[in-house]
Amino acid sequence: VFISILSSLGWLGFQKFFAKKPKPLFTTKPICRKNIQQTINTQGTIHIKDQMKIGSLVSGTADEIKVKENDKVKKGDTLAIIETGRADTEVDEAKGFMMKKKAEFNYQKEHYQRQQKLFDSGQISQETFERKTKEFLQSKADLFISKATYNKKYIDLKNTHIKAPTDGTVTAVNLTEGERVSVDLKAVTLFEIAKDITKMEAFLDIDESDIGFIQKNQTVEFTVDSYPNRKFKSIIKELGYSPKNKNGVKCYPAKIDIDNSDLLFRPGMTINAKIIVAK
C-alpha cells in the first residue's frame, strides 16, 4: 500500500511539474465584426504645384542679383542684371542706322511721287519710271529691316534685366554675382519662383504589378519623416502612362495634391504613402 501511494504521488508530481503539455491544435476567440482594407504602399517626392523656372535670354556676366531665396516678388520686379559688355551701344548704333534709312526713304518717297507725275504726263519713259519705283521700294524695305534690327537690339538690352514673370515667392537662386550666364543648350535655371507655396503636389511611384488596382479619386494616406506621428490625406488626381525604371522595376506616376496651408511641407520631402484600393 505504501509503495502504491508513493508511486501515485510521484506520477502526479511528474505530470504536474515535468511532463510536457501537448500544444493545442487551435485557439478560439469571440466572433466580432470589423472593417478590413487592401492597401498599396509606395513613396514619392513633394514639389511645389505652380513653380516657374527662369533663365536668361542673353549671354553675359551676372552684374547684380536683386533677390534672395524666400523673397516675395511682384510681376515685373527685377531679379538680376546681366552685363553683356556692350551696354546700349548696339541700340544707339541700330537707332542711328534706322534714322539714316528713314531719311533716305522720305527722300525716295517724294522723288517717286514726282516721277510718277512726270510719267503720267508722258515726260519720262516706262523704263525710267520702273527704275525709280524699284529704288523707292528698296528704300522702303531697307527702312523696314532697320526698324527690325533696332527692335531686336532694344529687346536684347531689355533682356539684360531678368524680371519676375509672375507674383510669387523665390524658392531658389542658382546664380552668384560675377558668374557667367549662357543661353546655349547647357543653360541652367537661374531662379525658381512659386506662385503659391501653400499648393503642393507629389508623384507616387506605382509598381507595374499594382497599377491595375489604382484609379482616380482613391484615398491616399501618407506621412513624412519630419512628422512621423502625423498622418495626412489626399486623393489621386492623375495617373500617368509613361513608365520609368526604378531599381530595375517599371513604375508609373500617380499625382496627388497636397494642402500646405500650415507650411509644414517643403519641396524635396519624401512621403511614405498608403493607397486604399479596396475595403
C-alpha atoms as a PDB file:
ATOM      1  CA  VAL A   1       0.000   0.000   0.000  1.00  0.00           C
ATOM      2  CA  PHE A   2       2.842   2.393   0.903  1.00  0.00           C
ATOM      3  CA  ILE A   3       4.616   1.705  -2.376  1.00  0.00           C
ATOM      4  CA  SER A   4       1.410   2.224  -4.336  1.00  0.00           C
ATOM      5  CA  ILE A   5       0.719   5.545  -2.638  1.00  0.00           C
ATOM      6  CA  LEU A   6       4.311   6.688  -3.178  1.00  0.00           C
ATOM      7  CA  SER A   7       4.177   5.727  -6.871  1.00  0.00           C
ATOM      8  CA  SER A   8       0.897   7.570  -7.375  1.00  0.00           C
ATOM      9  CA  LEU A   9       2.260  10.715  -5.750  1.00  0.00           C
ATOM     10  CA  GLY A  10       5.416  10.521  -7.875  1.00  0.00           C
ATOM     11  CA  TRP A  11       3.431  10.070 -11.073  1.00  0.00           C
ATOM     12  CA  LEU A  12       1.191  13.019 -10.261  1.00  0.00           C
ATOM     13  CA  GLY A  13       4.175  15.216  -9.406  1.00  0.00           C
ATOM     14  CA  PHE A  14       5.903  14.315 -12.646  1.00  0.00           C
ATOM     15  CA  GLN A  15       2.802  15.119 -14.690  1.00  0.00           C
ATOM     16  CA  LYS A  16       2.401  18.444 -12.953  1.00  0.00           C
ATOM     17  CA  PHE A  17       5.991  19.715 -12.902  1.00  0.00           C
ATOM     18  CA  PHE A  18       7.997  17.844 -15.545  1.00  0.00           C
ATOM     19  CA  ALA A  19       5.752  16.371 -18.207  1.00  0.00           C
ATOM     20  CA  LYS A  20       5.395  18.494 -21.408  1.00  0.00           C
ATOM     21  CA  LYS A  21       1.849  19.518 -22.092  1.00  0.00           C
ATOM     22  CA  PRO A  22       0.687  18.932 -25.690  1.00  0.00           C
ATOM     23  CA  LYS A  23       0.147  22.036 -27.793  1.00  0.00           C
ATOM     24  CA  PRO A  24      -3.480  22.809 -28.583  1.00  0.00           C
ATOM     25  CA  LEU A  25      -4.475  22.242 -32.202  1.00  0.00           C
ATOM     26  CA  PHE A  26      -6.342  25.589 -32.386  1.00  0.00           C
ATOM     27  CA  THR A  27      -7.362  28.596 -30.340  1.00  0.00           C
ATOM     28  CA  THR A  28     -10.700  30.286 -30.097  1.00  0.00           C
ATOM     29  CA  LYS A  29     -11.831  33.896 -29.879  1.00  0.00           C
ATOM     30  CA  PRO A  30     -15.236  35.530 -29.713  1.00  0.00           C
ATOM     31  CA  ILE A  31     -16.752  36.358 -33.130  1.00  0.00           C
ATOM     32  CA  CYS A  32     -16.771  40.111 -33.876  1.00  0.00           C
ATOM     33  CA  ARG A  33     -17.487  42.379 -36.883  1.00  0.00           C
ATOM     34  CA  LYS A  34     -14.807  44.768 -38.170  1.00  0.00           C
ATOM     35  CA  ASN A  35     -13.626  46.536 -41.347  1.00  0.00           C
ATOM     36  CA  ILE A  36     -10.720  45.276 -43.467  1.00  0.00           C
ATOM     37  CA  GLN A  37      -8.988  47.012 -46.336  1.00  0.00           C
ATOM     38  CA  GLN A  38      -6.437  46.333 -49.069  1.00  0.00           C
ATOM     39  CA  THR A  39      -3.647  48.887 -49.393  1.00  0.00           C
ATOM     40  CA  ILE A  40      -0.638  49.515 -51.636  1.00  0.00           C
ATOM     41  CA  ASN A  41       2.449  51.117 -50.131  1.00  0.00           C
ATOM     42  CA  THR A  42       4.639  53.456 -52.158  1.00  0.00           C
ATOM     43  CA  GLN A  43       6.784  56.581 -51.977  1.00  0.00           C
ATOM     44  CA  GLY A  44       7.036  59.934 -53.721  1.00  0.00           C
ATOM     45  CA  THR A  45       8.595  63.390 -53.586  1.00  0.00           C
ATOM     46  CA  ILE A  46       6.875  66.686 -52.813  1.00  0.00           C
ATOM     47  CA  HIS A  47       7.021  69.518 -55.350  1.00  0.00           C
ATOM     48  CA  ILE A  48       5.535  72.997 -55.473  1.00  0.00           C
ATOM     49  CA  LYS A  49       2.500  72.830 -57.734  1.00  0.00           C
ATOM     50  CA  ASP A  50       2.868  76.068 -59.708  1.00  0.00           C
ATOM     51  CA  GLN A  51       6.598  76.739 -59.958  1.00  0.00           C
ATOM     52  CA  MET A  52       8.311  78.676 -62.725  1.00  0.00           C
ATOM     53  CA  LYS A  53      11.922  78.146 -63.774  1.00  0.00           C
ATOM     54  CA  ILE A  54      13.577  81.295 -65.079  1.00  0.00           C
ATOM     55  CA  GLY A  55      16.688  81.551 -67.229  1.00  0.00           C
ATOM     56  CA  SER A  56      18.359  84.241 -69.288  1.00  0.00           C
ATOM     57  CA  LEU A  57      17.692  85.203 -72.907  1.00  0.00           C
ATOM     58  CA  VAL A  58      21.120  86.856 -73.296  1.00  0.00           C
ATOM     59  CA  SER A  59      24.662  85.733 -72.542  1.00  0.00           C
ATOM     60  CA  GLY A  60      26.907  87.684 -70.228  1.00  0.00           C
ATOM     61  CA  THR A  61      28.028  88.032 -66.639  1.00  0.00           C
ATOM     62  CA  ALA A  62      25.801  88.413 -63.603  1.00  0.00           C
ATOM     63  CA  ASP A  63      26.365  92.032 -62.579  1.00  0.00           C
ATOM     64  CA  GLU A  64      23.725  92.401 -59.858  1.00  0.00           C
ATOM     65  CA  ILE A  65      21.403  89.974 -58.087  1.00  0.00           C
ATOM     66  CA  LYS A  66      18.415  91.777 -56.657  1.00  0.00           C
ATOM     67  CA  VAL A  67      16.666  88.975 -54.737  1.00  0.00           C
ATOM     68  CA  LYS A  68      17.434  86.094 -52.437  1.00  0.00           C
ATOM     69  CA  GLU A  69      15.638  82.904 -51.510  1.00  0.00           C
ATOM     70  CA  ASN A  70      12.236  83.322 -49.769  1.00  0.00           C
ATOM     71  CA  ASP A  71      11.805  86.900 -51.046  1.00  0.00           C
ATOM     72  CA  LYS A  72       8.317  87.911 -52.158  1.00  0.00           C
ATOM     73  CA  VAL A  73       8.273  89.397 -55.662  1.00  0.00           C
ATOM     74  CA  LYS A  74       5.720  91.058 -57.911  1.00  0.00           C
ATOM     75  CA  LYS A  75       5.351  90.571 -61.644  1.00  0.00           C
ATOM     76  CA  GLY A  76       7.928  92.734 -63.415  1.00  0.00           C
ATOM     77  CA  ASP A  77      10.329  93.032 -60.468  1.00  0.00           C
ATOM     78  CA  THR A  78      13.999  92.823 -61.484  1.00  0.00           C
ATOM     79  CA  LEU A  79      15.665  89.625 -60.301  1.00  0.00           C
ATOM     80  CA  ALA A  80      19.144  90.192 -61.749  1.00  0.00           C
ATOM     81  CA  ILE A  81      21.066  92.337 -64.236  1.00  0.00           C
ATOM     82  CA  ILE A  82      23.293  90.713 -66.866  1.00  0.00           C
ATOM     83  CA  GLU A  83      26.305  92.623 -68.169  1.00  0.00           C
ATOM     84  CA  THR A  84      26.939  91.838 -71.846  1.00  0.00           C
ATOM     85  CA  GLY A  85      29.942  94.145 -72.260  1.00  0.00           C
ATOM     86  CA  ARG A  86      28.158  96.168 -74.921  1.00  0.00           C
ATOM     87  CA  ALA A  87      25.831  98.274 -72.755  1.00  0.00           C
ATOM     88  CA  ASP A  88      23.471 100.236 -75.022  1.00  0.00           C
ATOM     89  CA  THR A  89      25.988 100.941 -77.798  1.00  0.00           C
ATOM     90  CA  GLU A  90      24.374  98.440 -80.174  1.00  0.00           C
ATOM     91  CA  VAL A  91      20.981 100.053 -79.592  1.00  0.00           C
ATOM     92  CA  ASP A  92      22.386 103.514 -80.383  1.00  0.00           C
ATOM     93  CA  GLU A  93      24.083 102.164 -83.497  1.00  0.00           C
ATOM     94  CA  ALA A  94      20.882 100.478 -84.686  1.00  0.00           C
ATOM     95  CA  LYS A  95      18.884 103.629 -83.950  1.00  0.00           C
ATOM     96  CA  GLY A  96      21.292 105.762 -85.992  1.00  0.00           C
ATOM     97  CA  PHE A  97      21.146 103.316 -88.883  1.00  0.00           C
ATOM     98  CA  MET A  98      17.340 103.378 -88.742  1.00  0.00           C
ATOM     99  CA  MET A  99      17.284 107.201 -88.782  1.00  0.00           C
ATOM    100  CA  LYS A 100      19.556 107.175 -91.835  1.00  0.00           C
ATOM    101  CA  LYS A 101      17.287 104.734 -93.662  1.00  0.00           C
ATOM    102  CA  LYS A 102      14.227 106.748 -92.690  1.00  0.00           C
ATOM    103  CA  ALA A 103      15.701 109.932 -94.158  1.00  0.00           C
ATOM    104  CA  GLU A 104      16.595 108.065 -97.339  1.00  0.00           C
ATOM    105  CA  PHE A 105      13.101 106.611 -97.538  1.00  0.00           C
ATOM    106  CA  ASN A 106      11.466 110.028 -97.144  1.00  0.00           C
ATOM    107  CA  TYR A 107      13.603 111.381 -99.989  1.00  0.00           C
ATOM    108  CA  GLN A 108      12.836 108.392-102.214  1.00  0.00           C
ATOM    109  CA  LYS A 109       9.149 108.679-101.446  1.00  0.00           C
ATOM    110  CA  GLU A 110       8.940 112.342-102.513  1.00  0.00           C
ATOM    111  CA  HIS A 111      11.150 111.670-105.527  1.00  0.00           C
ATOM    112  CA  TYR A 112       8.951 108.740-106.526  1.00  0.00           C
ATOM    113  CA  GLN A 113       5.811 110.872-106.293  1.00  0.00           C
ATOM    114  CA  ARG A 114       7.376 113.493-108.601  1.00  0.00           C
ATOM    115  CA  GLN A 115       8.483 110.821-111.043  1.00  0.00           C
ATOM    116  CA  GLN A 116       5.003 109.360-111.082  1.00  0.00           C
ATOM    117  CA  LYS A 117       3.521 112.723-112.091  1.00  0.00           C
ATOM    118  CA  LEU A 118       6.108 113.043-114.897  1.00  0.00           C
ATOM    119  CA  PHE A 119       5.342 109.534-116.085  1.00  0.00           C
ATOM    120  CA  ASP A 120       1.593 110.161-116.037  1.00  0.00           C
ATOM    121  CA  SER A 121       2.120 113.256-118.195  1.00  0.00           C
ATOM    122  CA  GLY A 122       4.355 111.294-120.587  1.00  0.00           C
ATOM    123  CA  GLN A 123       7.588 113.222-119.847  1.00  0.00           C
ATOM    124  CA  ILE A 124       9.665 110.160-118.818  1.00  0.00           C
ATOM    125  CA  SER A 125       9.896 106.652-120.222  1.00  0.00           C
ATOM    126  CA  GLN A 126       8.433 103.477-118.789  1.00  0.00           C
ATOM    127  CA  GLU A 127      11.920 102.118-118.071  1.00  0.00           C
ATOM    128  CA  THR A 128      12.941 105.229-116.135  1.00  0.00           C
ATOM    129  CA  PHE A 129       9.783 105.146-114.035  1.00  0.00           C
ATOM    130  CA  GLU A 130      10.222 101.442-113.250  1.00  0.00           C
ATOM    131  CA  ARG A 131      13.806 102.081-112.132  1.00  0.00           C
ATOM    132  CA  LYS A 132      12.615 104.891-109.810  1.00  0.00           C
ATOM    133  CA  THR A 133       9.870 102.634-108.483  1.00  0.00           C
ATOM    134  CA  LYS A 134      12.454  99.944-107.724  1.00  0.00           C
ATOM    135  CA  GLU A 135      14.651 102.426-105.855  1.00  0.00           C
ATOM    136  CA  PHE A 136      11.663 103.594-103.799  1.00  0.00           C
ATOM    137  CA  LEU A 137      10.629 100.033-102.873  1.00  0.00           C
ATOM    138  CA  GLN A 138      14.225  99.158-101.949  1.00  0.00           C
ATOM    139  CA  SER A 139      14.441 102.144 -99.614  1.00  0.00           C
ATOM    140  CA  LYS A 140      11.149 101.097 -98.055  1.00  0.00           C
ATOM    141  CA  ALA A 141      12.476  97.564 -97.475  1.00  0.00           C
ATOM    142  CA  ASP A 142      15.736  98.931 -96.034  1.00  0.00           C
ATOM    143  CA  LEU A 143      13.751 101.043 -93.576  1.00  0.00           C
ATOM    144  CA  PHE A 144      11.686  98.015 -92.557  1.00  0.00           C
ATOM    145  CA  ILE A 145      14.842  95.937 -91.962  1.00  0.00           C
ATOM    146  CA  SER A 146      16.494  98.752 -89.994  1.00  0.00           C
ATOM    147  CA  LYS A 147      13.430  99.008 -87.725  1.00  0.00           C
ATOM    148  CA  ALA A 148      13.512  95.258 -87.107  1.00  0.00           C
ATOM    149  CA  THR A 149      17.245  95.435 -86.271  1.00  0.00           C
ATOM    150  CA  TYR A 150      16.657  98.295 -83.853  1.00  0.00           C
ATOM    151  CA  ASN A 151      13.784  96.452 -82.134  1.00  0.00           C
ATOM    152  CA  LYS A 152      15.929  93.327 -81.793  1.00  0.00           C
ATOM    153  CA  LYS A 153      18.804  95.242 -80.199  1.00  0.00           C
ATOM    154  CA  TYR A 154      16.377  97.084 -77.930  1.00  0.00           C
ATOM    155  CA  ILE A 155      14.763  93.823 -76.802  1.00  0.00           C
ATOM    156  CA  ASP A 156      18.207  92.302 -76.168  1.00  0.00           C
ATOM    157  CA  LEU A 157      19.038  95.317 -73.980  1.00  0.00           C
ATOM    158  CA  LYS A 158      15.782  94.927 -72.039  1.00  0.00           C
ATOM    159  CA  ASN A 159      16.502  91.210 -71.561  1.00  0.00           C
ATOM    160  CA  THR A 160      19.682  92.061 -69.650  1.00  0.00           C
ATOM    161  CA  HIS A 161      17.266  92.799 -66.799  1.00  0.00           C
ATOM    162  CA  ILE A 162      15.806  89.435 -65.778  1.00  0.00           C
ATOM    163  CA  LYS A 163      12.329  90.111 -64.448  1.00  0.00           C
ATOM    164  CA  ALA A 164       9.789  88.088 -62.497  1.00  0.00           C
ATOM    165  CA  PRO A 165       7.104  86.755 -64.859  1.00  0.00           C
ATOM    166  CA  THR A 166       4.534  86.465 -62.068  1.00  0.00           C
ATOM    167  CA  ASP A 167       3.818  87.258 -58.430  1.00  0.00           C
ATOM    168  CA  GLY A 168       5.191  84.705 -56.003  1.00  0.00           C
ATOM    169  CA  THR A 169       7.980  83.587 -53.697  1.00  0.00           C
ATOM    170  CA  VAL A 170      11.577  82.998 -54.764  1.00  0.00           C
ATOM    171  CA  THR A 171      12.306  79.378 -53.872  1.00  0.00           C
ATOM    172  CA  ALA A 172      15.759  79.039 -55.443  1.00  0.00           C
ATOM    173  CA  VAL A 173      18.582  81.315 -56.599  1.00  0.00           C
ATOM    174  CA  ASN A 174      21.141  79.416 -58.682  1.00  0.00           C
ATOM    175  CA  LEU A 175      23.308  82.406 -59.549  1.00  0.00           C
ATOM    176  CA  THR A 176      26.117  84.384 -57.933  1.00  0.00           C
ATOM    177  CA  GLU A 177      27.465  87.788 -58.864  1.00  0.00           C
ATOM    178  CA  GLY A 178      30.223  87.539 -61.462  1.00  0.00           C
ATOM    179  CA  GLU A 179      29.054  84.163 -62.710  1.00  0.00           C
ATOM    180  CA  ARG A 180      28.962  83.570 -66.468  1.00  0.00           C
ATOM    181  CA  VAL A 181      25.463  83.172 -67.929  1.00  0.00           C
ATOM    182  CA  SER A 182      24.956  81.222 -71.142  1.00  0.00           C
ATOM    183  CA  VAL A 183      21.982  80.738 -73.460  1.00  0.00           C
ATOM    184  CA  ASP A 184      23.183  77.551 -75.138  1.00  0.00           C
ATOM    185  CA  LEU A 185      21.726  74.073 -74.656  1.00  0.00           C
ATOM    186  CA  LYS A 186      23.528  73.749 -71.303  1.00  0.00           C
ATOM    187  CA  ALA A 187      21.882  76.859 -69.899  1.00  0.00           C
ATOM    188  CA  VAL A 188      20.771  76.376 -66.297  1.00  0.00           C
ATOM    189  CA  THR A 189      17.785  77.638 -64.367  1.00  0.00           C
ATOM    190  CA  LEU A 190      18.802  80.859 -62.629  1.00  0.00           C
ATOM    191  CA  PHE A 191      15.722  81.417 -60.471  1.00  0.00           C
ATOM    192  CA  GLU A 192      12.692  79.450 -59.373  1.00  0.00           C
ATOM    193  CA  ILE A 193       9.505  81.228 -58.337  1.00  0.00           C
ATOM    194  CA  ALA A 194       6.473  79.601 -56.741  1.00  0.00           C
ATOM    195  CA  LYS A 195       3.150  81.292 -57.358  1.00  0.00           C
ATOM    196  CA  ASP A 196       1.650  79.835 -54.181  1.00  0.00           C
ATOM    197  CA  ILE A 197       3.710  77.773 -51.731  1.00  0.00           C
ATOM    198  CA  THR A 198       0.541  76.590 -49.973  1.00  0.00           C
ATOM    199  CA  LYS A 199      -0.304  74.428 -53.003  1.00  0.00           C
ATOM    200  CA  MET A 200       1.954  71.424 -53.482  1.00  0.00           C
ATOM    201  CA  GLU A 201       1.845  68.080 -55.222  1.00  0.00           C
ATOM    202  CA  ALA A 202       3.611  64.740 -55.230  1.00  0.00           C
ATOM    203  CA  PHE A 203       4.119  61.997 -57.808  1.00  0.00           C
ATOM    204  CA  LEU A 204       3.925  58.493 -56.355  1.00  0.00           C
ATOM    205  CA  ASP A 205       5.813  55.624 -57.992  1.00  0.00           C
ATOM    206  CA  ILE A 206       3.324  52.794 -58.600  1.00  0.00           C
ATOM    207  CA  ASP A 207       4.794  49.379 -59.381  1.00  0.00           C
ATOM    208  CA  GLU A 208       3.580  47.870 -62.659  1.00  0.00           C
ATOM    209  CA  SER A 209       2.179  44.899 -60.718  1.00  0.00           C
ATOM    210  CA  ASP A 210      -0.030  47.265 -58.689  1.00  0.00           C
ATOM    211  CA  ILE A 211      -1.057  49.850 -61.304  1.00  0.00           C
ATOM    212  CA  GLY A 212      -4.123  47.777 -62.237  1.00  0.00           C
ATOM    213  CA  PHE A 213      -5.580  48.427 -58.773  1.00  0.00           C
ATOM    214  CA  ILE A 214      -5.066  52.200 -58.897  1.00  0.00           C
ATOM    215  CA  GLN A 215      -7.821  54.575 -60.001  1.00  0.00           C
ATOM    216  CA  LYS A 216      -8.550  58.279 -59.768  1.00  0.00           C
ATOM    217  CA  ASN A 217     -10.104  59.622 -56.564  1.00  0.00           C
ATOM    218  CA  GLN A 218      -8.779  56.774 -54.425  1.00  0.00           C
ATOM    219  CA  THR A 219      -7.827  57.831 -50.902  1.00  0.00           C
ATOM    220  CA  VAL A 220      -4.135  58.210 -50.066  1.00  0.00           C
ATOM    221  CA  GLU A 221      -2.777  58.343 -46.527  1.00  0.00           C
ATOM    222  CA  PHE A 222       0.821  59.496 -46.164  1.00  0.00           C
ATOM    223  CA  THR A 223       3.462  60.518 -43.664  1.00  0.00           C
ATOM    224  CA  VAL A 224       6.732  62.432 -43.887  1.00  0.00           C
ATOM    225  CA  ASP A 225       9.862  61.815 -41.849  1.00  0.00           C
ATOM    226  CA  SER A 226       9.667  65.302 -40.326  1.00  0.00           C
ATOM    227  CA  TYR A 227       6.316  64.452 -38.665  1.00  0.00           C
ATOM    228  CA  PRO A 228       6.389  60.665 -38.144  1.00  0.00           C
ATOM    229  CA  ASN A 229       3.426  60.677 -35.758  1.00  0.00           C
ATOM    230  CA  ARG A 230       1.091  62.634 -38.023  1.00  0.00           C
ATOM    231  CA  LYS A 231      -0.970  61.234 -40.874  1.00  0.00           C
ATOM    232  CA  PHE A 232      -2.129  63.288 -43.845  1.00  0.00           C
ATOM    233  CA  LYS A 233      -4.722  62.511 -46.507  1.00  0.00           C
ATOM    234  CA  SER A 234      -5.224  63.241 -50.183  1.00  0.00           C
ATOM    235  CA  ILE A 235      -6.742  61.643 -53.260  1.00  0.00           C
ATOM    236  CA  ILE A 236      -5.272  60.554 -56.586  1.00  0.00           C
ATOM    237  CA  LYS A 237      -5.786  63.278 -59.210  1.00  0.00           C
ATOM    238  CA  GLU A 238      -3.956  61.881 -62.241  1.00  0.00           C
ATOM    239  CA  LEU A 239      -2.415  58.633 -63.473  1.00  0.00           C
ATOM    240  CA  GLY A 240       0.498  58.673 -65.893  1.00  0.00           C
ATOM    241  CA  TYR A 241       1.022  56.358 -68.842  1.00  0.00           C
ATOM    242  CA  SER A 242       4.764  56.832 -69.312  1.00  0.00           C
ATOM    243  CA  PRO A 243       6.748  54.328 -67.223  1.00  0.00           C
ATOM    244  CA  LYS A 244      10.156  54.888 -65.687  1.00  0.00           C
ATOM    245  CA  ASN A 245      12.681  52.408 -64.372  1.00  0.00           C
ATOM    246  CA  LYS A 246      13.297  52.455 -60.642  1.00  0.00           C
ATOM    247  CA  ASN A 247      15.845  49.934 -59.403  1.00  0.00           C
ATOM    248  CA  GLY A 248      15.119  47.762 -62.420  1.00  0.00           C
ATOM    249  CA  VAL A 249      11.333  47.869 -61.922  1.00  0.00           C
ATOM    250  CA  LYS A 250       8.886  49.755 -64.094  1.00  0.00           C
ATOM    251  CA  CYS A 251       6.827  52.335 -62.229  1.00  0.00           C
ATOM    252  CA  TYR A 252       4.004  54.663 -63.252  1.00  0.00           C
ATOM    253  CA  PRO A 253       3.382  58.093 -61.708  1.00  0.00           C
ATOM    254  CA  ALA A 254       0.250  58.866 -59.711  1.00  0.00           C
ATOM    255  CA  LYS A 255      -0.257  62.529 -58.867  1.00  0.00           C
ATOM    256  CA  ILE A 256      -1.773  63.805 -55.624  1.00  0.00           C
ATOM    257  CA  ASP A 257      -2.397  67.372 -54.451  1.00  0.00           C
ATOM    258  CA  ILE A 258      -1.107  68.437 -51.043  1.00  0.00           C
ATOM    259  CA  ASP A 259      -2.533  71.268 -48.961  1.00  0.00           C
ATOM    260  CA  ASN A 260       0.333  73.213 -47.407  1.00  0.00           C
ATOM    261  CA  SER A 261      -1.722  75.927 -45.723  1.00  0.00           C
ATOM    262  CA  ASP A 262       0.139  75.320 -42.446  1.00  0.00           C
ATOM    263  CA  LEU A 263       3.521  75.473 -44.260  1.00  0.00           C
ATOM    264  CA  LEU A 264       4.543  72.089 -42.886  1.00  0.00           C
ATOM    265  CA  PHE A 265       5.939  70.727 -46.142  1.00  0.00           C
ATOM    266  CA  ARG A 266       8.973  71.731 -48.182  1.00  0.00           C
ATOM    267  CA  PRO A 267       9.971  70.835 -51.742  1.00  0.00           C
ATOM    268  CA  GLY A 268      12.004  67.643 -51.965  1.00  0.00           C
ATOM    269  CA  MET A 269      10.498  65.942 -48.914  1.00  0.00           C
ATOM    270  CA  THR A 270       9.917  62.200 -49.310  1.00  0.00           C
ATOM    271  CA  ILE A 271       6.456  60.933 -48.453  1.00  0.00           C
ATOM    272  CA  ASN A 272       5.541  57.384 -47.476  1.00  0.00           C
ATOM    273  CA  ALA A 273       2.093  56.758 -48.887  1.00  0.00           C
ATOM    274  CA  LYS A 274      -0.547  54.104 -48.433  1.00  0.00           C
ATOM    275  CA  ILE A 275      -3.232  53.864 -51.124  1.00  0.00           C
ATOM    276  CA  ILE A 276      -6.510  52.265 -50.113  1.00  0.00           C
ATOM    277  CA  VAL A 277      -7.688  50.234 -53.128  1.00  0.00           C
ATOM    278  CA  ALA A 278     -10.437  48.125 -51.509  1.00  0.00           C
ATOM    279  CA  LYS A 279     -12.228  47.873 -48.197  1.00  0.00           C
END
